[in-house]
């Protein structure tokens, strides 16, 4: 078991180093996740939000601007440092932390909103569902195997099968879903990804505004 633990630790460190390089070389903070940018009118200010695997933090900053108390976690110290500097420059309070979200998933009933963008770890799905409070929202997007471009990971295990996102989060009330595959005019629409906004059953702790 000890050898297995060392191998897993080495793999995590390799991933950290790879993402540190990528985030360090990137010219900007990236883009707000499309699923959030197109559906942020569904967000109620004042709640606790988590940007899981946040990268350099464009989406976390957007959530903070919407009036949420934001936690942002990522494996890469470089990404977290860039996000922290950007939040300070805007006067936004974001609890940005280096965290292996697979090893340390979010706590149960911890958040009113969770965002996951371009990160697929199927073993985390039960933890994500449990971490949402009643009435909480999940915003999720990532790459699909049915694609029209070469964007995204080459390993099909890191991409969603057709309608898989619906199946993974089936317990949630579906509020928004897009997955257009290769239908019609491939130069238009929502291609290469599936996106979902789902609501956990129960009464929200915050008043509807």
Protein backbone atom coordinates (compact mmCIF):
# COMPACT_ATOMS: atom_id res chain seq x y z
CA UNK A 1 0.00 0.00 0.00
CA UNK A 2 2.86 2.35 0.75
CA UNK A 3 4.18 1.98 -2.79
CA UNK A 4 0.72 2.71 -4.16
CA UNK A 5 0.44 5.82 -1.98
CA UNK A 6 3.80 7.08 -3.26
CA UNK A 7 2.76 6.49 -6.87
CA UNK A 8 -0.47 8.46 -6.37
CA UNK A 9 1.44 11.27 -4.66
CA UNK A 10 3.93 11.42 -7.52
CA UNK A 11 1.09 11.62 -10.04
CA UNK A 12 -0.56 14.49 -8.17
CA UNK A 13 2.75 16.35 -8.02
CA UNK A 14 3.25 15.88 -11.76
CA UNK A 15 -0.22 17.27 -12.38
CA UNK A 16 0.51 20.22 -10.10
CA UNK A 17 3.73 21.03 -11.94
CA UNK A 18 2.03 20.78 -15.33
CA UNK A 19 -0.77 23.11 -14.31
CA UNK A 20 1.65 25.52 -12.64
CA UNK A 21 3.48 25.86 -15.95
CA UNK A 22 0.26 26.34 -17.90
CA UNK A 23 -1.17 28.91 -15.51
CA UNK A 24 2.14 30.73 -15.24
CA UNK A 25 2.48 31.06 -19.02
CA UNK A 26 -1.13 32.13 -19.65
CA UNK A 27 -1.48 35.79 -20.67
CA UNK A 28 -4.63 36.49 -18.65
CA UNK A 29 -7.05 35.06 -16.11
CA UNK A 30 -9.04 33.14 -18.69
CA UNK A 31 -12.75 33.45 -19.39
CA UNK A 32 -15.83 33.18 -17.22
CA UNK A 33 -17.34 29.73 -17.68
CA UNK A 34 -19.97 29.87 -20.38
CA UNK A 35 -22.55 28.07 -18.24
CA UNK A 36 -22.19 30.83 -15.64
CA UNK A 37 -21.89 33.79 -18.01
CA UNK A 38 -25.08 32.83 -19.87
CA UNK A 39 -27.11 31.95 -16.78
CA UNK A 40 -25.91 34.25 -14.00
CA UNK A 41 -29.41 35.74 -13.82
CA UNK A 42 -30.32 32.59 -11.86
CA UNK A 43 -27.92 33.51 -9.04
CA UNK A 44 -29.25 34.99 -5.80
CA UNK A 45 -26.69 37.28 -4.09
CA UNK A 46 -25.61 36.68 -0.53
CA UNK A 47 -24.93 32.95 -0.54
CA UNK A 48 -21.80 30.83 -0.25
CA UNK A 49 -20.29 29.76 -3.57
CA UNK A 50 -17.50 27.36 -4.47
CA UNK A 51 -15.50 27.45 -7.69
CA UNK A 52 -14.14 23.89 -7.70
CA UNK A 53 -10.86 23.51 -9.62
CA UNK A 54 -10.99 27.26 -10.24
CA UNK A 55 -7.88 27.74 -12.37
CA UNK A 56 -6.77 31.37 -12.59
CA UNK A 57 -10.13 32.50 -11.34
CA UNK A 58 -12.11 34.41 -13.95
CA UNK A 59 -15.30 32.66 -12.85
CA UNK A 60 -14.55 33.06 -9.13
CA UNK A 61 -14.12 36.80 -9.64
CA UNK A 62 -17.43 36.92 -11.54
CA UNK A 63 -19.20 35.13 -8.69
CA UNK A 64 -17.79 37.61 -6.20
CA UNK A 65 -18.98 40.52 -8.35
CA UNK A 66 -22.47 38.98 -8.24
CA UNK A 67 -22.46 39.39 -4.47
CA UNK A 68 -21.60 35.87 -3.33
CA UNK A 69 -19.15 34.80 -0.63
CA UNK A 70 -16.70 32.86 -2.77
CA UNK A 71 -14.34 30.02 -2.01
CA UNK A 72 -12.02 29.00 -4.85
CA UNK A 73 -9.91 25.84 -4.77
CA UNK A 74 -7.29 24.55 -7.16
CA UNK A 75 -4.33 22.17 -7.15
CA UNK A 76 -2.03 24.81 -8.64
CA UNK A 77 -0.36 27.34 -6.31
CA UNK A 78 0.40 29.51 -9.34
CA UNK A 79 -3.29 29.70 -10.26
CA UNK A 80 -4.29 30.56 -6.71
CA UNK A 81 -1.64 33.26 -6.46
CA UNK A 82 -2.82 34.88 -9.70
CA UNK A 83 -6.44 34.78 -8.55
CA UNK A 84 -5.57 36.22 -5.14
CA UNK A 85 -3.71 39.15 -6.69
CA UNK A 86 -6.59 39.88 -9.07
CA UNK A 87 -9.16 39.76 -6.26
CA UNK A 88 -7.09 42.12 -4.13
CA UNK A 89 -6.72 44.54 -7.04
CA UNK A 90 -10.52 44.67 -7.41
CA UNK A 91 -11.20 44.84 -3.70
CA UNK A 92 -13.04 41.50 -3.80
CA UNK A 93 -12.91 39.03 -0.92
CA UNK A 94 -12.32 35.50 -2.18
CA UNK A 95 -11.12 32.64 -0.01
CA UNK A 96 -8.67 31.19 -2.54
CA UNK A 97 -6.83 28.06 -1.43
CA UNK A 98 -4.50 25.42 -2.84
CA UNK A 99 -6.45 22.20 -2.38
CA UNK A 100 -6.50 18.74 -3.92
CA UNK A 101 -10.26 18.51 -4.38
CA UNK A 102 -10.14 14.78 -5.07
CA UNK A 103 -8.32 14.06 -1.82
CA UNK A 104 -10.30 16.70 0.10
CA UNK A 105 -13.78 17.12 -1.45
CA UNK A 106 -16.18 19.84 -0.32
CA UNK A 107 -18.02 19.32 2.98
CA UNK A 108 -21.66 18.31 3.14
CA UNK A 109 -24.16 21.18 2.99
CA UNK A 110 -21.36 23.70 2.62
CA UNK A 111 -22.52 25.79 -0.34
CA UNK A 112 -25.49 27.47 -2.00
CA UNK A 113 -23.78 27.36 -5.39
CA UNK A 114 -21.04 25.18 -6.85
CA UNK A 115 -19.35 25.82 -10.19
CA UNK A 116 -17.29 23.20 -12.01
CA UNK A 117 -15.76 24.09 -15.36
CA UNK A 118 -13.58 21.80 -17.49
CA UNK A 119 -12.88 19.39 -14.65
CA UNK A 120 -14.24 15.85 -14.71
CA UNK A 121 -13.74 13.52 -11.76
CA UNK A 122 -16.70 11.18 -11.63
CA UNK A 123 -15.86 9.98 -8.11
CA UNK A 124 -16.56 13.52 -6.86
CA UNK A 125 -20.18 13.56 -8.03
CA UNK A 126 -21.70 12.25 -4.75
CA UNK A 127 -19.61 14.76 -2.78
CA UNK A 128 -20.73 17.64 -5.01
CA UNK A 129 -24.38 16.66 -4.60
CA UNK A 130 -23.96 16.37 -0.83
CA UNK A 131 -22.15 19.71 -0.62
CA UNK A 132 -25.11 21.63 -2.06
CA UNK A 133 -27.57 23.03 0.44
CA UNK A 134 -31.32 22.64 -0.20
CA UNK A 135 -32.27 24.94 -3.04
CA UNK A 136 -28.63 25.23 -4.07
CA UNK A 137 -27.48 25.46 -7.67
CA UNK A 138 -24.85 23.51 -9.57
CA UNK A 139 -23.31 25.12 -12.65
CA UNK A 140 -21.29 22.51 -14.58
CA UNK A 141 -19.64 22.38 -17.98
CA UNK A 142 -16.98 20.21 -19.55
CA UNK A 143 -15.91 18.60 -22.80
CA UNK A 144 -17.87 15.88 -24.59
CA UNK A 145 -16.63 13.00 -26.69
CA UNK A 146 -18.90 14.14 -29.53
CA UNK A 147 -16.94 17.20 -30.65
CA UNK A 148 -16.43 19.36 -33.70
CA UNK A 149 -12.92 20.58 -32.88
CA UNK A 150 -9.73 19.28 -31.28
CA UNK A 151 -10.15 21.40 -28.13
CA UNK A 152 -9.92 19.62 -24.82
CA UNK A 153 -8.26 16.44 -23.56
CA UNK A 154 -7.30 13.64 -25.95
CA UNK A 155 -8.16 10.91 -23.43
CA UNK A 156 -11.85 10.01 -23.87
CA UNK A 157 -12.10 9.10 -20.18
CA UNK A 158 -11.74 12.81 -19.41
CA UNK A 159 -14.68 13.67 -21.66
CA UNK A 160 -18.40 13.08 -21.24
CA UNK A 161 -20.34 10.47 -23.15
CA UNK A 162 -23.63 11.52 -24.76
CA UNK A 163 -26.05 12.73 -22.06
CA UNK A 164 -23.68 11.55 -19.33
CA UNK A 165 -23.84 14.87 -17.50
CA UNK A 166 -27.62 14.48 -17.20
CA UNK A 167 -27.17 11.01 -15.78
CA UNK A 168 -24.44 11.97 -13.30
CA UNK A 169 -26.55 14.72 -11.74
CA UNK A 170 -29.96 13.14 -12.26
CA UNK A 171 -31.05 13.85 -8.62
CA UNK A 172 -31.04 17.60 -9.33
CA UNK A 173 -33.95 19.51 -10.80
CA UNK A 174 -32.87 20.42 -14.30
CA UNK A 175 -32.96 24.17 -14.97
CA UNK A 176 -30.62 24.56 -17.96
CA UNK A 177 -29.06 21.98 -20.26
CA UNK A 178 -27.22 22.24 -23.57
CA UNK A 179 -25.44 19.51 -25.48
CA UNK A 180 -25.78 19.85 -29.24
CA UNK A 181 -23.32 17.28 -30.54
CA UNK A 182 -22.82 17.45 -34.28
CA UNK A 183 -26.34 18.41 -35.34
CA UNK A 184 -26.99 21.08 -37.93
CA UNK A 185 -24.70 24.04 -38.58
CA UNK A 186 -21.48 23.14 -36.77
CA UNK A 187 -20.25 26.74 -36.90
CA UNK A 188 -23.00 27.84 -34.54
CA UNK A 189 -24.37 26.88 -31.15
CA UNK A 190 -22.90 25.13 -28.13
CA UNK A 191 -20.30 22.71 -29.46
CA UNK A 192 -17.66 20.46 -27.87
CA UNK A 193 -19.17 20.74 -24.37
CA UNK A 194 -22.20 19.88 -22.29
CA UNK A 195 -23.45 22.41 -19.76
CA UNK A 196 -25.94 22.05 -16.94
CA UNK A 197 -27.58 24.14 -14.24
CA UNK A 198 -29.30 21.97 -11.66
CA UNK A 199 -31.15 22.81 -8.45
CA UNK A 200 -31.10 20.66 -5.32
CA UNK A 201 -34.52 19.87 -3.92
CA UNK A 202 -35.57 21.70 -0.77
CA UNK A 203 -36.24 25.21 0.41
CA UNK A 204 -33.42 27.71 -0.11
CA UNK A 205 -32.00 29.33 2.99
CA UNK A 206 -32.01 32.69 1.20
CA UNK A 207 -35.11 34.64 0.14
CA UNK A 208 -35.92 34.74 -3.56
CA UNK A 209 -35.25 38.22 -4.94
